């Protein structure tokens, strides 16, 4: 599954396309976790969500 996500993400030209490609290969439970963390902790290169440390 990781190989498929990497392959699709490599073809993406924008962040939105990469995000969509990732969501296509995740299971529904993983999608919920990803979307929940995205809502709580907007992505920023200088900030790592507390639970990911």
PDB file of N, CA and C in Angstrom:
ATOM      1  N   UNK A   1       0.827  -1.182   0.000  1.00  0.00           N
ATOM      2  CA  UNK A   1       0.000   0.000   0.000  1.00  0.00           C
ATOM      3  C   UNK A   1       0.876   1.251   0.000  1.00  0.00           C
ATOM      4  N   UNK A   2       1.977   1.223   0.721  1.00  0.00           N
ATOM      5  CA  UNK A   2       2.866   2.381   0.767  1.00  0.00           C
ATOM      6  C   UNK A   2       3.462   2.659  -0.610  1.00  0.00           C
ATOM      7  N   UNK A   3       3.826   1.604  -1.327  1.00  0.00           N
ATOM      8  CA  UNK A   3       4.381   1.790  -2.670  1.00  0.00           C
ATOM      9  C   UNK A   3       3.379   2.471  -3.593  1.00  0.00           C
ATOM     10  N   UNK A   4       2.130   2.075  -3.490  1.00  0.00           N
ATOM     11  CA  UNK A   4       1.083   2.670  -4.311  1.00  0.00           C
ATOM     12  C   UNK A   4       0.903   4.146  -3.969  1.00  0.00           C
ATOM     13  N   UNK A   5       0.927   4.470  -2.686  1.00  0.00           N
ATOM     14  CA  UNK A   5       0.789   5.869  -2.262  1.00  0.00           C
ATOM     15  C   UNK A   5       1.964   6.700  -2.759  1.00  0.00           C
ATOM     16  N   UNK A   6       3.166   6.155  -2.679  1.00  0.00           N
ATOM     17  CA  UNK A   6       4.359   6.868  -3.144  1.00  0.00           C
ATOM     18  C   UNK A   6       4.293   7.083  -4.647  1.00  0.00           C
ATOM     19  N   UNK A   7       3.901   6.055  -5.362  1.00  0.00           N
ATOM     20  CA  UNK A   7       3.802   6.149  -6.820  1.00  0.00           C
ATOM     21  C   UNK A   7       2.794   7.218  -7.241  1.00  0.00           C
ATOM     22  N   UNK A   8       1.629   7.204  -6.619  1.00  0.00           N
ATOM     23  CA  UNK A   8       0.601   8.194  -6.962  1.00  0.00           C
ATOM     24  C   UNK A   8       1.008   9.595  -6.512  1.00  0.00           C
ATOM     25  N   UNK A   9       1.617   9.683  -5.349  1.00  0.00           N
ATOM     26  CA  UNK A   9       2.060  10.984  -4.841  1.00  0.00           C
ATOM     27  C   UNK A   9       3.148  11.596  -5.699  1.00  0.00           C
ATOM     28  N   UNK A  10       4.013  10.758  -6.267  1.00  0.00           N
ATOM     29  CA  UNK A  10       5.093  11.256  -7.120  1.00  0.00           C
ATOM     30  C   UNK A  10       4.553  11.875  -8.403  1.00  0.00           C
ATOM     31  N   UNK A  11       3.416  11.394  -8.862  1.00  0.00           N
ATOM     32  CA  UNK A  11       2.813  11.928 -10.081  1.00  0.00           C
ATOM     33  C   UNK A  11       2.063  13.234  -9.819  1.00  0.00           C
ATOM     34  N   UNK A  12       1.762  13.514  -8.568  1.00  0.00           N
ATOM     35  CA  UNK A  12       0.994  14.713  -8.219  1.00  0.00           C
ATOM     36  C   UNK A  12       1.829  15.963  -8.463  1.00  0.00           C
ATOM     37  N   UNK A  13       1.180  16.987  -8.942  1.00  0.00           N
ATOM     38  CA  UNK A  13       1.865  18.250  -9.204  1.00  0.00           C
ATOM     39  C   UNK A  13       1.511  19.315  -8.175  1.00  0.00           C
ATOM     40  N   UNK A  14       0.506  19.049  -7.365  1.00  0.00           N
ATOM     41  CA  UNK A  14       0.124  19.995  -6.322  1.00  0.00           C
ATOM     42  C   UNK A  14      -0.096  19.238  -5.020  1.00  0.00           C
ATOM     43  N   UNK A  15      -0.105  19.988  -3.925  1.00  0.00           N
ATOM     44  CA  UNK A  15      -0.360  19.374  -2.626  1.00  0.00           C
ATOM     45  C   UNK A  15      -1.746  18.738  -2.601  1.00  0.00           C
ATOM     46  N   UNK A  16      -2.715  19.395  -3.199  1.00  0.00           N
ATOM     47  CA  UNK A  16      -4.088  18.870  -3.208  1.00  0.00           C
ATOM     48  C   UNK A  16      -4.149  17.527  -3.934  1.00  0.00           C
ATOM     49  N   UNK A  17      -3.434  17.391  -5.050  1.00  0.00           N
ATOM     50  CA  UNK A  17      -3.413  16.126  -5.785  1.00  0.00           C
ATOM     51  C   UNK A  17      -2.733  15.037  -4.960  1.00  0.00           C
ATOM     52  N   UNK A  18      -1.656  15.388  -4.265  1.00  0.00           N
ATOM     53  CA  UNK A  18      -0.954  14.410  -3.434  1.00  0.00           C
ATOM     54  C   UNK A  18      -1.844  13.952  -2.281  1.00  0.00           C
ATOM     55  N   UNK A  19      -2.560  14.886  -1.679  1.00  0.00           N
ATOM     56  CA  UNK A  19      -3.476  14.566  -0.583  1.00  0.00           C
ATOM     57  C   UNK A  19      -4.584  13.631  -1.074  1.00  0.00           C
ATOM     58  N   UNK A  20      -5.131  13.921  -2.233  1.00  0.00           N
ATOM     59  CA  UNK A  20      -6.185  13.086  -2.806  1.00  0.00           C
ATOM     60  C   UNK A  20      -5.661  11.684  -3.106  1.00  0.00           C
ATOM     61  N   UNK A  21      -4.451  11.599  -3.647  1.00  0.00           N
ATOM     62  CA  UNK A  21      -3.848  10.297  -3.947  1.00  0.00           C
ATOM     63  C   UNK A  21      -3.653   9.485  -2.670  1.00  0.00           C
ATOM     64  N   UNK A  22      -3.238  10.152  -1.601  1.00  0.00           N
ATOM     65  CA  UNK A  22      -3.052   9.455  -0.331  1.00  0.00           C
ATOM     66  C   UNK A  22      -4.384   8.943   0.205  1.00  0.00           C
ATOM     67  N   UNK A  23      -5.408   9.769   0.162  1.00  0.00           N
ATOM     68  CA  UNK A  23      -6.715   9.361   0.680  1.00  0.00           C
ATOM     69  C   UNK A  23      -7.297   8.191  -0.103  1.00  0.00           C
ATOM     70  N   UNK A  24      -6.955   8.073  -1.381  1.00  0.00           N
ATOM     71  CA  UNK A  24      -7.464   6.971  -2.199  1.00  0.00           C
ATOM     72  C   UNK A  24      -6.921   5.618  -1.762  1.00  0.00           C
ATOM     73  N   UNK A  25      -5.719   5.585  -1.202  1.00  0.00           N
ATOM     74  CA  UNK A  25      -5.119   4.300  -0.836  1.00  0.00           C
ATOM     75  C   UNK A  25      -5.282   3.962   0.647  1.00  0.00           C
ATOM     76  N   UNK A  26      -5.743   4.910   1.456  1.00  0.00           N
ATOM     77  CA  UNK A  26      -5.933   4.638   2.876  1.00  0.00           C
ATOM     78  C   UNK A  26      -7.256   3.916   3.122  1.00  0.00           C
ATOM     79  N   UNK A  27      -7.271   3.131   4.194  1.00  0.00           N
ATOM     80  CA  UNK A  27      -8.519   2.495   4.609  1.00  0.00           C
ATOM     81  C   UNK A  27      -9.423   3.566   5.221  1.00  0.00           C
ATOM     82  N   UNK A  28     -10.718   3.297   5.350  1.00  0.00           N
ATOM     83  CA  UNK A  28     -11.614   4.296   5.955  1.00  0.00           C
ATOM     84  C   UNK A  28     -11.173   4.746   7.352  1.00  0.00           C
ATOM     85  N   UNK A  29     -10.664   3.824   8.170  1.00  0.00           N
ATOM     86  CA  UNK A  29     -10.191   4.200   9.508  1.00  0.00           C
ATOM     87  C   UNK A  29      -8.986   5.130   9.425  1.00  0.00           C
ATOM     88  N   UNK A  30      -8.057   4.809   8.520  1.00  0.00           N
ATOM     89  CA  UNK A  30      -6.876   5.648   8.350  1.00  0.00           C
ATOM     90  C   UNK A  30      -7.257   7.017   7.795  1.00  0.00           C
ATOM     91  N   UNK A  31      -8.219   7.046   6.885  1.00  0.00           N
ATOM     92  CA  UNK A  31      -8.688   8.320   6.341  1.00  0.00           C
ATOM     93  C   UNK A  31      -9.247   9.197   7.458  1.00  0.00           C
ATOM     94  N   UNK A  32     -10.031   8.608   8.337  1.00  0.00           N
ATOM     95  CA  UNK A  32     -10.619   9.366   9.443  1.00  0.00           C
ATOM     96  C   UNK A  32      -9.533   9.939  10.346  1.00  0.00           C
ATOM     97  N   UNK A  33      -8.511   9.138  10.646  1.00  0.00           N
ATOM     98  CA  UNK A  33      -7.412   9.618  11.485  1.00  0.00           C
ATOM     99  C   UNK A  33      -6.661  10.747  10.794  1.00  0.00           C
ATOM    100  N   UNK A  34      -6.393  10.594   9.500  1.00  0.00           N
ATOM    101  CA  UNK A  34      -5.669  11.607   8.735  1.00  0.00           C
ATOM    102  C   UNK A  34      -6.456  12.909   8.700  1.00  0.00           C
ATOM    103  N   UNK A  35      -7.737  12.823   8.393  1.00  0.00           N
ATOM    104  CA  UNK A  35      -8.565  14.025   8.293  1.00  0.00           C
ATOM    105  C   UNK A  35      -8.760  14.675   9.655  1.00  0.00           C
ATOM    106  N   UNK A  36      -8.846  13.868  10.718  1.00  0.00           N
ATOM    107  CA  UNK A  36      -8.995  14.403  12.064  1.00  0.00           C
ATOM    108  C   UNK A  36      -7.738  15.152  12.484  1.00  0.00           C
ATOM    109  N   UNK A  37      -6.569  14.586  12.220  1.00  0.00           N
ATOM    110  CA  UNK A  37      -5.319  15.249  12.597  1.00  0.00           C
ATOM    111  C   UNK A  37      -5.104  16.506  11.764  1.00  0.00           C
ATOM    112  N   UNK A  38      -5.548  16.476  10.514  1.00  0.00           N
ATOM    113  CA  UNK A  38      -5.416  17.647   9.655  1.00  0.00           C
ATOM    114  C   UNK A  38      -6.288  18.791  10.179  1.00  0.00           C
ATOM    115  N   UNK A  39      -7.445  18.449  10.709  1.00  0.00           N
ATOM    116  CA  UNK A  39      -8.353  19.465  11.249  1.00  0.00           C
ATOM    117  C   UNK A  39      -7.787  20.060  12.542  1.00  0.00           C
ATOM    118  N   UNK A  40      -7.201  19.210  13.382  1.00  0.00           N
ATOM    119  CA  UNK A  40      -6.680  19.673  14.669  1.00  0.00           C
ATOM    120  C   UNK A  40      -5.350  20.399  14.532  1.00  0.00           C
ATOM    121  N   UNK A  41      -4.504  19.918  13.658  1.00  0.00           N
ATOM    122  CA  UNK A  41      -3.159  20.462  13.527  1.00  0.00           C
ATOM    123  C   UNK A  41      -2.867  20.793  12.068  1.00  0.00           C
ATOM    124  N   UNK A  42      -3.202  21.992  11.617  1.00  0.00           N
ATOM    125  CA  UNK A  42      -2.908  22.344  10.219  1.00  0.00           C
ATOM    126  C   UNK A  42      -1.416  22.179   9.940  1.00  0.00           C
ATOM    127  N   UNK A  43      -1.093  21.716   8.766  1.00  0.00           N
ATOM    128  CA  UNK A  43       0.290  21.444   8.420  1.00  0.00           C
ATOM    129  C   UNK A  43       1.105  22.726   8.391  1.00  0.00           C
ATOM    130  N   UNK A  44       2.259  22.670   8.988  1.00  0.00           N
ATOM    131  CA  UNK A  44       3.221  23.768   8.937  1.00  0.00           C
ATOM    132  C   UNK A  44       4.599  23.134   9.053  1.00  0.00           C
ATOM    133  N   UNK A  45       5.550  23.547   8.226  1.00  0.00           N
ATOM    134  CA  UNK A  45       6.864  22.895   8.233  1.00  0.00           C
ATOM    135  C   UNK A  45       7.611  23.039   9.554  1.00  0.00           C
ATOM    136  N   UNK A  46       7.339  24.076  10.315  1.00  0.00           N
ATOM    137  CA  UNK A  46       8.060  24.311  11.562  1.00  0.00           C
ATOM    138  C   UNK A  46       7.346  23.723  12.779  1.00  0.00           C
ATOM    139  N   UNK A  47       6.170  23.130  12.577  1.00  0.00           N
ATOM    140  CA  UNK A  47       5.396  22.630  13.709  1.00  0.00           C
ATOM    141  C   UNK A  47       5.059  21.151  13.515  1.00  0.00           C
ATOM    142  N   UNK A  48       5.328  20.363  14.546  1.00  0.00           N
ATOM    143  CA  UNK A  48       4.999  18.939  14.521  1.00  0.00           C
ATOM    144  C   UNK A  48       3.890  18.720  15.544  1.00  0.00           C
ATOM    145  N   UNK A  49       2.816  18.043  15.174  1.00  0.00           N
ATOM    146  CA  UNK A  49       1.740  17.796  16.142  1.00  0.00           C
ATOM    147  C   UNK A  49       2.272  17.086  17.382  1.00  0.00           C
ATOM    148  N   UNK A  50       1.800  17.440  18.566  1.00  0.00           N
ATOM    149  CA  UNK A  50       2.316  16.860  19.816  1.00  0.00           C
ATOM    150  C   UNK A  50       2.289  15.340  19.851  1.00  0.00           C
ATOM    151  N   UNK A  51       1.249  14.703  19.334  1.00  0.00           N
ATOM    152  CA  UNK A  51       1.176  13.245  19.421  1.00  0.00           C
ATOM    153  C   UNK A  51       2.095  12.549  18.427  1.00  0.00           C
ATOM    154  N   UNK A  52       2.674  13.277  17.482  1.00  0.00           N
ATOM    155  CA  UNK A  52       3.569  12.672  16.496  1.00  0.00           C
ATOM    156  C   UNK A  52       5.018  12.685  16.976  1.00  0.00           C
ATOM    157  N   UNK A  53       5.282  13.338  18.088  1.00  0.00           N
ATOM    158  CA  UNK A  53       6.666  13.443  18.567  1.00  0.00           C
ATOM    159  C   UNK A  53       7.112  12.198  19.274  1.00  0.00           C
TER     160      UNK A  53
END
